[in-house]
């Protein structure tokens, strides 16, 4: 999905920066160039092994991220590019997005963080109690893990009462 910023000039949501080009934690709205959907993005520091579509926890205190995994708590977003360690980039926090889902996730399924061995991936079930509140699949995933359309509205990783 290609996006254009609607409120800040010079934003490329898929750019990976080696030095910060915007204040960490800056939120920017964007419009999808193919379907007109609106989204919101936040500028953060990357973490090792991040690929486009990975789910990440967002630490607004210092602008850092960690790949989403079961047992963690906090705000989450989806990496727009491979924002690895020592780089900076954009994470989507609202709208239709392309997020990494495990195989065989049904359309409209609620999403859960996965074990550390699958960090950065969401699935329809979790090994623990870490539900991604404010996120659901917007299409069924295929027979293997892949970036799949999801709907997010300021997702937060929390402990479900299961």
N, C-alpha and C. Protein backbone atom coordinates (compact mmCIF):
# COMPACT_ATOMS: atom_id res chain seq x y z
N UNK A 1 0.84 -1.17 0.00
CA UNK A 1 0.00 0.00 0.00
C UNK A 1 0.88 1.24 0.00
N UNK A 2 0.61 2.14 -0.94
CA UNK A 2 1.35 3.39 -1.00
C UNK A 2 0.55 4.49 -0.30
N UNK A 3 1.24 5.36 0.41
CA UNK A 3 0.60 6.40 1.21
C UNK A 3 1.24 7.76 0.93
N UNK A 4 0.43 8.82 0.98
CA UNK A 4 0.91 10.19 0.94
C UNK A 4 0.55 10.87 2.24
N UNK A 5 1.50 11.60 2.82
CA UNK A 5 1.23 12.35 4.04
C UNK A 5 0.24 13.48 3.72
N UNK A 6 -0.67 13.74 4.66
CA UNK A 6 -1.66 14.78 4.44
C UNK A 6 -1.41 16.03 5.27
N UNK A 7 -0.53 15.96 6.27
CA UNK A 7 -0.36 17.12 7.14
C UNK A 7 1.09 17.54 7.39
N UNK A 8 2.07 16.83 6.82
CA UNK A 8 3.48 17.21 6.97
C UNK A 8 4.17 17.02 5.62
N UNK A 9 4.90 18.01 5.18
CA UNK A 9 5.60 17.94 3.89
C UNK A 9 6.90 17.15 4.05
N UNK A 10 7.24 16.36 3.05
CA UNK A 10 8.52 15.66 3.02
C UNK A 10 8.53 14.30 3.66
N UNK A 11 7.36 13.75 3.99
CA UNK A 11 7.30 12.44 4.63
C UNK A 11 7.22 11.35 3.57
N UNK A 12 8.08 10.35 3.71
CA UNK A 12 8.01 9.12 2.90
C UNK A 12 7.87 7.99 3.91
N UNK A 13 6.67 7.41 4.00
CA UNK A 13 6.39 6.44 5.05
C UNK A 13 7.21 5.15 4.93
N UNK A 14 7.80 4.88 3.76
CA UNK A 14 8.60 3.66 3.60
C UNK A 14 10.10 3.94 3.64
N UNK A 15 10.49 5.18 3.92
CA UNK A 15 11.91 5.51 4.01
C UNK A 15 12.51 4.96 5.30
N UNK A 16 13.77 4.57 5.23
CA UNK A 16 14.54 4.16 6.40
C UNK A 16 15.68 5.17 6.54
N UNK A 17 15.74 5.84 7.68
CA UNK A 17 16.72 6.89 7.90
C UNK A 17 17.83 6.42 8.84
N UNK A 18 19.07 6.82 8.54
CA UNK A 18 20.18 6.46 9.42
C UNK A 18 20.38 7.51 10.52
N UNK A 19 19.84 8.69 10.33
CA UNK A 19 19.78 9.72 11.38
C UNK A 19 18.33 10.20 11.43
N UNK A 20 17.85 10.61 12.60
CA UNK A 20 16.46 11.04 12.69
C UNK A 20 16.17 12.24 11.80
N UNK A 21 15.10 12.14 11.02
CA UNK A 21 14.69 13.24 10.15
C UNK A 21 13.49 13.99 10.72
N UNK A 22 12.86 13.41 11.74
CA UNK A 22 11.69 13.99 12.40
C UNK A 22 11.82 13.72 13.89
N UNK A 23 11.10 14.45 14.73
CA UNK A 23 11.12 14.15 16.17
C UNK A 23 10.55 12.75 16.43
N UNK A 24 11.19 12.00 17.31
CA UNK A 24 10.68 10.67 17.65
C UNK A 24 9.31 10.82 18.31
N UNK A 25 8.37 9.99 17.91
CA UNK A 25 7.01 10.05 18.42
C UNK A 25 6.08 10.94 17.61
N UNK A 26 6.61 11.62 16.57
CA UNK A 26 5.77 12.48 15.72
C UNK A 26 4.71 11.62 15.04
N UNK A 27 3.44 12.05 15.12
CA UNK A 27 2.34 11.37 14.44
C UNK A 27 1.94 12.18 13.22
N UNK A 28 1.76 11.45 12.09
CA UNK A 28 1.41 12.08 10.82
C UNK A 28 0.27 11.28 10.19
N UNK A 29 -0.70 11.99 9.64
CA UNK A 29 -1.80 11.34 8.92
C UNK A 29 -1.41 11.13 7.46
N UNK A 30 -1.99 10.11 6.86
CA UNK A 30 -1.72 9.82 5.46
C UNK A 30 -2.94 9.29 4.76
N UNK A 31 -2.93 9.38 3.42
CA UNK A 31 -4.01 8.85 2.60
C UNK A 31 -3.43 7.82 1.64
N UNK A 32 -4.08 6.65 1.60
CA UNK A 32 -3.64 5.59 0.70
C UNK A 32 -3.88 6.04 -0.74
N UNK A 33 -2.85 5.93 -1.59
CA UNK A 33 -2.94 6.45 -2.95
C UNK A 33 -3.81 5.58 -3.87
N UNK A 34 -4.08 4.33 -3.51
CA UNK A 34 -4.87 3.49 -4.39
C UNK A 34 -6.35 3.42 -4.02
N UNK A 35 -6.69 3.56 -2.73
CA UNK A 35 -8.10 3.41 -2.35
C UNK A 35 -8.64 4.58 -1.53
N UNK A 36 -7.81 5.55 -1.19
CA UNK A 36 -8.26 6.72 -0.47
C UNK A 36 -8.41 6.54 1.03
N UNK A 37 -8.13 5.33 1.56
CA UNK A 37 -8.24 5.11 3.00
C UNK A 37 -7.30 6.04 3.75
N UNK A 38 -7.72 6.45 4.94
CA UNK A 38 -6.88 7.28 5.80
C UNK A 38 -6.14 6.40 6.80
N UNK A 39 -4.96 6.84 7.19
CA UNK A 39 -4.17 6.13 8.20
C UNK A 39 -3.38 7.11 9.03
N UNK A 40 -2.80 6.61 10.11
CA UNK A 40 -1.95 7.44 10.95
C UNK A 40 -0.67 6.67 11.25
N UNK A 41 0.43 7.40 11.32
CA UNK A 41 1.76 6.82 11.42
C UNK A 41 2.55 7.56 12.49
N UNK A 42 3.49 6.86 13.11
CA UNK A 42 4.34 7.47 14.13
C UNK A 42 5.80 7.17 13.79
N UNK A 43 6.68 8.17 13.99
CA UNK A 43 8.10 8.06 13.66
C UNK A 43 8.86 7.55 14.88
N UNK A 44 9.58 6.43 14.72
CA UNK A 44 10.25 5.78 15.85
C UNK A 44 11.62 5.24 15.44
N UNK A 45 12.37 4.82 16.44
CA UNK A 45 13.67 4.18 16.26
C UNK A 45 13.45 2.69 16.01
N UNK A 46 14.19 2.11 15.09
CA UNK A 46 14.05 0.69 14.74
C UNK A 46 14.74 -0.24 15.72
N UNK A 47 14.55 -1.53 15.49
CA UNK A 47 15.15 -2.58 16.31
C UNK A 47 15.61 -3.71 15.39
N UNK A 48 16.60 -4.46 15.81
CA UNK A 48 17.15 -5.54 14.98
C UNK A 48 16.06 -6.47 14.46
N UNK A 49 16.25 -6.94 13.25
CA UNK A 49 15.41 -7.95 12.58
C UNK A 49 14.03 -7.45 12.16
N UNK A 50 13.79 -6.14 12.20
CA UNK A 50 12.50 -5.61 11.77
C UNK A 50 12.40 -5.62 10.26
N UNK A 51 11.26 -6.11 9.75
CA UNK A 51 10.95 -6.09 8.33
C UNK A 51 9.63 -5.35 8.14
N UNK A 52 9.36 -4.88 6.94
CA UNK A 52 8.08 -4.25 6.66
C UNK A 52 6.96 -5.22 7.00
N UNK A 53 5.97 -4.75 7.74
CA UNK A 53 4.85 -5.57 8.14
C UNK A 53 4.96 -6.16 9.53
N UNK A 54 6.16 -6.10 10.13
CA UNK A 54 6.32 -6.61 11.50
C UNK A 54 5.55 -5.75 12.48
N UNK A 55 4.97 -6.40 13.48
CA UNK A 55 4.30 -5.73 14.59
C UNK A 55 5.37 -5.37 15.62
N UNK A 56 5.27 -4.17 16.18
CA UNK A 56 6.26 -3.73 17.17
C UNK A 56 5.56 -3.02 18.32
N UNK A 57 6.16 -3.15 19.51
CA UNK A 57 5.76 -2.34 20.65
C UNK A 57 6.42 -0.98 20.51
N UNK A 58 5.68 0.07 20.83
CA UNK A 58 6.18 1.44 20.68
C UNK A 58 6.39 2.05 22.06
N UNK A 59 7.61 2.48 22.34
CA UNK A 59 7.92 3.12 23.62
C UNK A 59 8.02 4.62 23.37
N UNK A 60 6.96 5.34 23.74
CA UNK A 60 6.93 6.78 23.49
C UNK A 60 7.87 7.56 24.41
N UNK A 61 8.34 6.96 25.50
CA UNK A 61 9.27 7.65 26.40
C UNK A 61 10.59 7.97 25.72
N UNK A 62 11.12 7.01 24.95
CA UNK A 62 12.41 7.23 24.30
C UNK A 62 12.40 7.01 22.79
N UNK A 63 11.22 6.75 22.21
CA UNK A 63 11.11 6.58 20.77
C UNK A 63 11.58 5.23 20.26
N UNK A 64 11.81 4.27 21.16
CA UNK A 64 12.33 2.96 20.75
C UNK A 64 11.18 1.99 20.44
N UNK A 65 11.53 0.90 19.78
CA UNK A 65 10.58 -0.16 19.47
C UNK A 65 11.18 -1.51 19.84
N UNK A 66 10.33 -2.49 20.06
CA UNK A 66 10.73 -3.88 20.21
C UNK A 66 9.73 -4.71 19.43
N UNK A 67 10.20 -5.81 18.85
CA UNK A 67 9.28 -6.66 18.11
C UNK A 67 8.25 -7.25 19.07
N UNK A 68 7.01 -7.22 18.65
CA UNK A 68 5.89 -7.70 19.45
C UNK A 68 6.05 -9.18 19.76
N UNK A 69 5.83 -9.54 21.03
CA UNK A 69 5.83 -10.95 21.41
C UNK A 69 4.96 -11.14 22.64
N UNK A 70 4.50 -12.36 22.80
CA UNK A 70 3.61 -12.70 23.90
C UNK A 70 4.25 -12.33 25.24
N UNK A 71 3.43 -11.80 26.13
CA UNK A 71 3.89 -11.43 27.46
C UNK A 71 4.17 -9.96 27.63
N UNK A 72 4.27 -9.22 26.53
CA UNK A 72 4.55 -7.79 26.62
C UNK A 72 3.24 -7.01 26.73
N UNK A 73 3.34 -5.76 27.17
CA UNK A 73 2.18 -4.89 27.30
C UNK A 73 2.56 -3.51 26.77
N UNK A 74 1.65 -2.87 26.05
CA UNK A 74 1.87 -1.50 25.61
C UNK A 74 1.34 -1.22 24.23
N UNK A 75 1.50 0.04 23.77
CA UNK A 75 1.03 0.43 22.44
C UNK A 75 1.84 -0.27 21.35
N UNK A 76 1.16 -0.56 20.23
CA UNK A 76 1.80 -1.29 19.14
C UNK A 76 1.56 -0.59 17.81
N UNK A 77 2.36 -0.95 16.83
CA UNK A 77 2.21 -0.45 15.47
C UNK A 77 2.82 -1.44 14.50
N UNK A 78 2.68 -1.15 13.23
CA UNK A 78 3.19 -2.03 12.16
C UNK A 78 4.27 -1.27 11.39
N UNK A 79 5.45 -1.87 11.28
CA UNK A 79 6.58 -1.26 10.58
C UNK A 79 6.25 -1.08 9.10
N UNK A 80 6.53 0.09 8.58
CA UNK A 80 6.31 0.38 7.16
C UNK A 80 7.51 -0.01 6.30
N UNK A 81 8.65 -0.29 6.94
CA UNK A 81 9.87 -0.65 6.22
C UNK A 81 10.78 -1.43 7.16
N UNK A 82 11.91 -1.86 6.66
CA UNK A 82 12.87 -2.61 7.46
C UNK A 82 13.68 -1.66 8.33
N UNK A 83 13.04 -1.16 9.39
CA UNK A 83 13.68 -0.22 10.31
C UNK A 83 14.45 -1.02 11.36
N UNK A 84 15.62 -1.47 10.98
CA UNK A 84 16.46 -2.29 11.86
C UNK A 84 17.17 -1.41 12.89
N UNK A 85 17.97 -2.03 13.74
CA UNK A 85 18.71 -1.29 14.77
C UNK A 85 19.51 -0.16 14.14
N UNK A 86 19.60 0.95 14.84
CA UNK A 86 20.34 2.14 14.41
C UNK A 86 19.72 2.83 13.20
N UNK A 87 18.44 2.57 12.93
CA UNK A 87 17.73 3.29 11.88
C UNK A 87 16.42 3.83 12.45
N UNK A 88 15.76 4.66 11.66
CA UNK A 88 14.53 5.32 12.07
C UNK A 88 13.51 5.21 10.95
N UNK A 89 12.23 5.14 11.31
CA UNK A 89 11.20 5.06 10.28
C UNK A 89 9.80 5.13 10.86
N UNK A 90 8.84 4.82 10.02
CA UNK A 90 7.43 5.01 10.34
C UNK A 90 6.75 3.70 10.69
N UNK A 91 5.82 3.77 11.64
CA UNK A 91 5.01 2.63 12.08
C UNK A 91 3.54 3.05 12.00
N UNK A 92 2.73 2.24 11.34
CA UNK A 92 1.32 2.58 11.21
C UNK A 92 0.57 2.20 12.48
N UNK A 93 -0.31 3.13 12.95
CA UNK A 93 -1.07 2.89 14.17
C UNK A 93 -2.58 2.99 13.97
N UNK A 94 -3.02 3.41 12.78
CA UNK A 94 -4.45 3.49 12.51
C UNK A 94 -4.71 3.31 11.03
N UNK A 95 -5.80 2.60 10.71
CA UNK A 95 -6.24 2.43 9.33
C UNK A 95 -6.04 1.01 8.84
N UNK A 96 -6.25 0.82 7.54
CA UNK A 96 -5.98 -0.48 6.92
C UNK A 96 -4.49 -0.56 6.69
N UNK A 97 -3.89 -1.67 7.12
CA UNK A 97 -2.44 -1.82 7.06
C UNK A 97 -2.09 -3.20 6.52
N UNK A 98 -0.83 -3.40 6.26
CA UNK A 98 -0.31 -4.70 5.84
C UNK A 98 0.57 -5.23 6.97
N UNK A 99 0.03 -6.17 7.76
CA UNK A 99 0.74 -6.69 8.93
C UNK A 99 1.03 -8.17 8.79
N UNK A 100 2.12 -8.61 9.38
CA UNK A 100 2.54 -10.02 9.31
C UNK A 100 1.62 -10.88 10.17
N UNK A 101 0.91 -11.81 9.52
CA UNK A 101 0.03 -12.75 10.21
C UNK A 101 0.50 -14.17 10.01
N UNK A 102 0.27 -15.00 11.02
CA UNK A 102 0.54 -16.42 10.91
C UNK A 102 -0.36 -17.02 9.84
N UNK A 103 -0.08 -18.25 9.46
CA UNK A 103 -0.91 -18.96 8.48
C UNK A 103 -2.30 -19.21 9.03
N UNK A 104 -3.26 -19.26 8.14
CA UNK A 104 -4.64 -19.68 8.43
C UNK A 104 -5.38 -18.81 9.43
N UNK A 105 -5.16 -17.50 9.39
CA UNK A 105 -5.94 -16.56 10.20
C UNK A 105 -7.17 -16.18 9.38
N UNK A 106 -8.36 -16.32 9.96
CA UNK A 106 -9.60 -16.03 9.25
C UNK A 106 -9.84 -14.53 9.14
N UNK A 107 -10.56 -14.13 8.11
CA UNK A 107 -10.99 -12.75 7.96
C UNK A 107 -11.80 -12.34 9.20
N UNK A 108 -11.58 -11.14 9.69
CA UNK A 108 -12.24 -10.56 10.86
C UNK A 108 -11.83 -11.18 12.19
N UNK A 109 -10.83 -12.03 12.22
CA UNK A 109 -10.37 -12.64 13.47
C UNK A 109 -9.67 -11.60 14.35
N UNK A 110 -9.88 -11.72 15.67
CA UNK A 110 -9.09 -10.94 16.61
C UNK A 110 -7.66 -11.42 16.56
N UNK A 111 -6.71 -10.60 17.00
CA UNK A 111 -5.29 -10.94 16.86
C UNK A 111 -4.58 -10.98 18.20
N UNK A 112 -3.55 -11.84 18.27
CA UNK A 112 -2.77 -12.05 19.49
C UNK A 112 -1.29 -12.05 19.14
N UNK A 113 -0.47 -11.57 20.07
CA UNK A 113 0.98 -11.65 19.94
C UNK A 113 1.40 -13.11 19.99
N UNK A 114 2.53 -13.41 19.38
CA UNK A 114 3.02 -14.78 19.31
C UNK A 114 4.27 -14.95 20.19
N UNK A 115 4.70 -16.18 20.35
CA UNK A 115 5.88 -16.49 21.16
C UNK A 115 7.12 -15.80 20.59
N UNK A 116 8.16 -15.70 21.41
CA UNK A 116 9.39 -15.01 21.01
C UNK A 116 9.98 -15.58 19.71
N UNK A 117 9.78 -16.86 19.45
CA UNK A 117 10.32 -17.46 18.22
C UNK A 117 9.64 -16.91 16.97
N UNK A 118 8.48 -16.29 17.13
CA UNK A 118 7.75 -15.65 16.02
C UNK A 118 7.54 -14.17 16.30
N UNK A 119 8.48 -13.53 16.98
CA UNK A 119 8.35 -12.11 17.34
C UNK A 119 8.06 -11.27 16.10
N UNK A 120 7.16 -10.29 16.27
CA UNK A 120 6.78 -9.42 15.16
C UNK A 120 5.62 -9.94 14.35
N UNK A 121 5.06 -11.09 14.75
CA UNK A 121 3.97 -11.74 14.03
C UNK A 121 2.73 -11.77 14.90
N UNK A 122 1.56 -11.63 14.29
CA UNK A 122 0.29 -11.77 15.00
C UNK A 122 -0.43 -13.01 14.49
N UNK A 123 -1.28 -13.58 15.35
CA UNK A 123 -2.06 -14.75 14.96
C UNK A 123 -3.44 -14.69 15.59
N UNK A 124 -4.31 -15.62 15.21
CA UNK A 124 -5.68 -15.64 15.72
C UNK A 124 -5.76 -16.26 17.11
N UNK A 125 -4.71 -16.93 17.51
CA UNK A 125 -4.63 -17.49 18.87
C UNK A 125 -3.24 -17.19 19.39
N UNK A 126 -3.10 -17.22 20.71
CA UNK A 126 -1.80 -16.95 21.30
C UNK A 126 -1.44 -18.02 22.30
N UNK A 127 -0.16 -18.19 22.52
CA UNK A 127 0.29 -19.20 23.48
C UNK A 127 0.10 -18.70 24.91
N UNK A 128 -0.04 -17.41 25.07
CA UNK A 128 -0.24 -16.83 26.40
C UNK A 128 -1.52 -16.03 26.43
N UNK A 129 -1.46 -14.85 27.01
CA UNK A 129 -2.66 -14.04 27.18
C UNK A 129 -2.52 -12.65 26.58
N UNK A 130 -1.70 -12.48 25.56
CA UNK A 130 -1.42 -11.16 25.02
C UNK A 130 -2.28 -10.87 23.79
N UNK A 131 -3.44 -10.27 24.03
CA UNK A 131 -4.35 -9.89 22.96
C UNK A 131 -3.94 -8.53 22.41
N UNK A 132 -4.04 -8.36 21.09
CA UNK A 132 -3.78 -7.06 20.47
C UNK A 132 -5.14 -6.36 20.37
N UNK A 133 -5.42 -5.51 21.33
CA UNK A 133 -6.70 -4.81 21.39
C UNK A 133 -6.67 -3.68 20.36
N UNK A 134 -7.71 -3.59 19.55
CA UNK A 134 -7.76 -2.56 18.52
C UNK A 134 -7.17 -3.04 17.20
N UNK A 135 -7.16 -4.36 16.98
CA UNK A 135 -6.64 -4.91 15.73
C UNK A 135 -7.42 -6.15 15.35
N UNK A 136 -7.65 -6.31 14.04
CA UNK A 136 -8.27 -7.54 13.54
C UNK A 136 -7.83 -7.77 12.10
N UNK A 137 -7.93 -9.02 11.69
CA UNK A 137 -7.62 -9.35 10.30
C UNK A 137 -8.69 -8.75 9.40
N UNK A 138 -8.29 -8.19 8.28
CA UNK A 138 -9.23 -7.63 7.31
C UNK A 138 -9.31 -8.50 6.07
N UNK A 139 -8.57 -9.60 6.08
CA UNK A 139 -8.59 -10.61 5.02
C UNK A 139 -8.03 -11.89 5.63
N UNK A 140 -8.35 -13.00 5.04
CA UNK A 140 -7.81 -14.27 5.52
C UNK A 140 -6.35 -14.40 5.08
N UNK A 141 -5.51 -14.93 5.97
CA UNK A 141 -4.12 -15.18 5.59
C UNK A 141 -4.04 -16.52 4.86
N UNK A 142 -2.97 -16.73 4.14
CA UNK A 142 -2.81 -17.94 3.34
C UNK A 142 -2.29 -19.11 4.15
N UNK A 143 -1.66 -20.04 3.45
CA UNK A 143 -1.19 -21.28 4.08
C UNK A 143 0.17 -21.12 4.75
N UNK A 144 0.77 -19.94 4.64
CA UNK A 144 2.02 -19.66 5.37
C UNK A 144 1.98 -18.22 5.86
N UNK A 145 2.82 -17.89 6.83
CA UNK A 145 2.86 -16.53 7.38
C UNK A 145 3.20 -15.53 6.28
N UNK A 146 2.46 -14.43 6.25
CA UNK A 146 2.69 -13.42 5.22
C UNK A 146 2.05 -12.10 5.64
N UNK A 147 2.50 -11.01 5.02
CA UNK A 147 1.85 -9.73 5.24
C UNK A 147 0.45 -9.79 4.66
N UNK A 148 -0.53 -9.45 5.49
CA UNK A 148 -1.95 -9.58 5.15
C UNK A 148 -2.66 -8.31 5.59
N UNK A 149 -3.74 -7.94 4.90
CA UNK A 149 -4.47 -6.74 5.26
C UNK A 149 -5.11 -6.89 6.64
N UNK A 150 -4.88 -5.88 7.48
CA UNK A 150 -5.44 -5.83 8.82
C UNK A 150 -6.06 -4.45 9.03
N UNK A 151 -6.94 -4.35 10.00
CA UNK A 151 -7.51 -3.07 10.40
C UNK A 151 -7.03 -2.78 11.81
N UNK A 152 -6.42 -1.59 11.98
CA UNK A 152 -5.90 -1.23 13.30
C UNK A 152 -6.42 0.14 13.72
N UNK A 153 -6.65 0.27 15.02
CA UNK A 153 -7.09 1.54 15.58
C UNK A 153 -6.34 1.73 16.90
N UNK A 154 -5.14 2.29 16.81
CA UNK A 154 -4.24 2.49 17.95
C UNK A 154 -4.14 1.19 18.77
N UNK A 155 -3.59 0.14 18.16
CA UNK A 155 -3.53 -1.16 18.85
C UNK A 155 -2.69 -1.11 20.13
N UNK A 156 -3.14 -1.87 21.10
CA UNK A 156 -2.46 -1.98 22.39
C UNK A 156 -2.36 -3.45 22.75
N UNK A 157 -1.18 -3.87 23.15
CA UNK A 157 -0.99 -5.24 23.59
C UNK A 157 -1.33 -5.30 25.07
N UNK A 158 -2.29 -6.14 25.41
CA UNK A 158 -2.73 -6.24 26.79
C UNK A 158 -2.93 -7.68 27.19
N UNK A 159 -3.17 -7.88 28.44
CA UNK A 159 -3.41 -9.23 28.97
C UNK A 159 -4.91 -9.50 28.95
N UNK A 160 -5.31 -10.53 28.20
CA UNK A 160 -6.72 -10.90 28.21
C UNK A 160 -6.99 -11.80 29.42
N UNK A 161 -8.23 -11.89 29.79
CA UNK A 161 -8.61 -12.65 30.97
C UNK A 161 -8.96 -14.07 30.59
N UNK A 162 -8.01 -14.78 29.97
CA UNK A 162 -8.32 -16.13 29.50
C UNK A 162 -7.66 -17.20 30.31
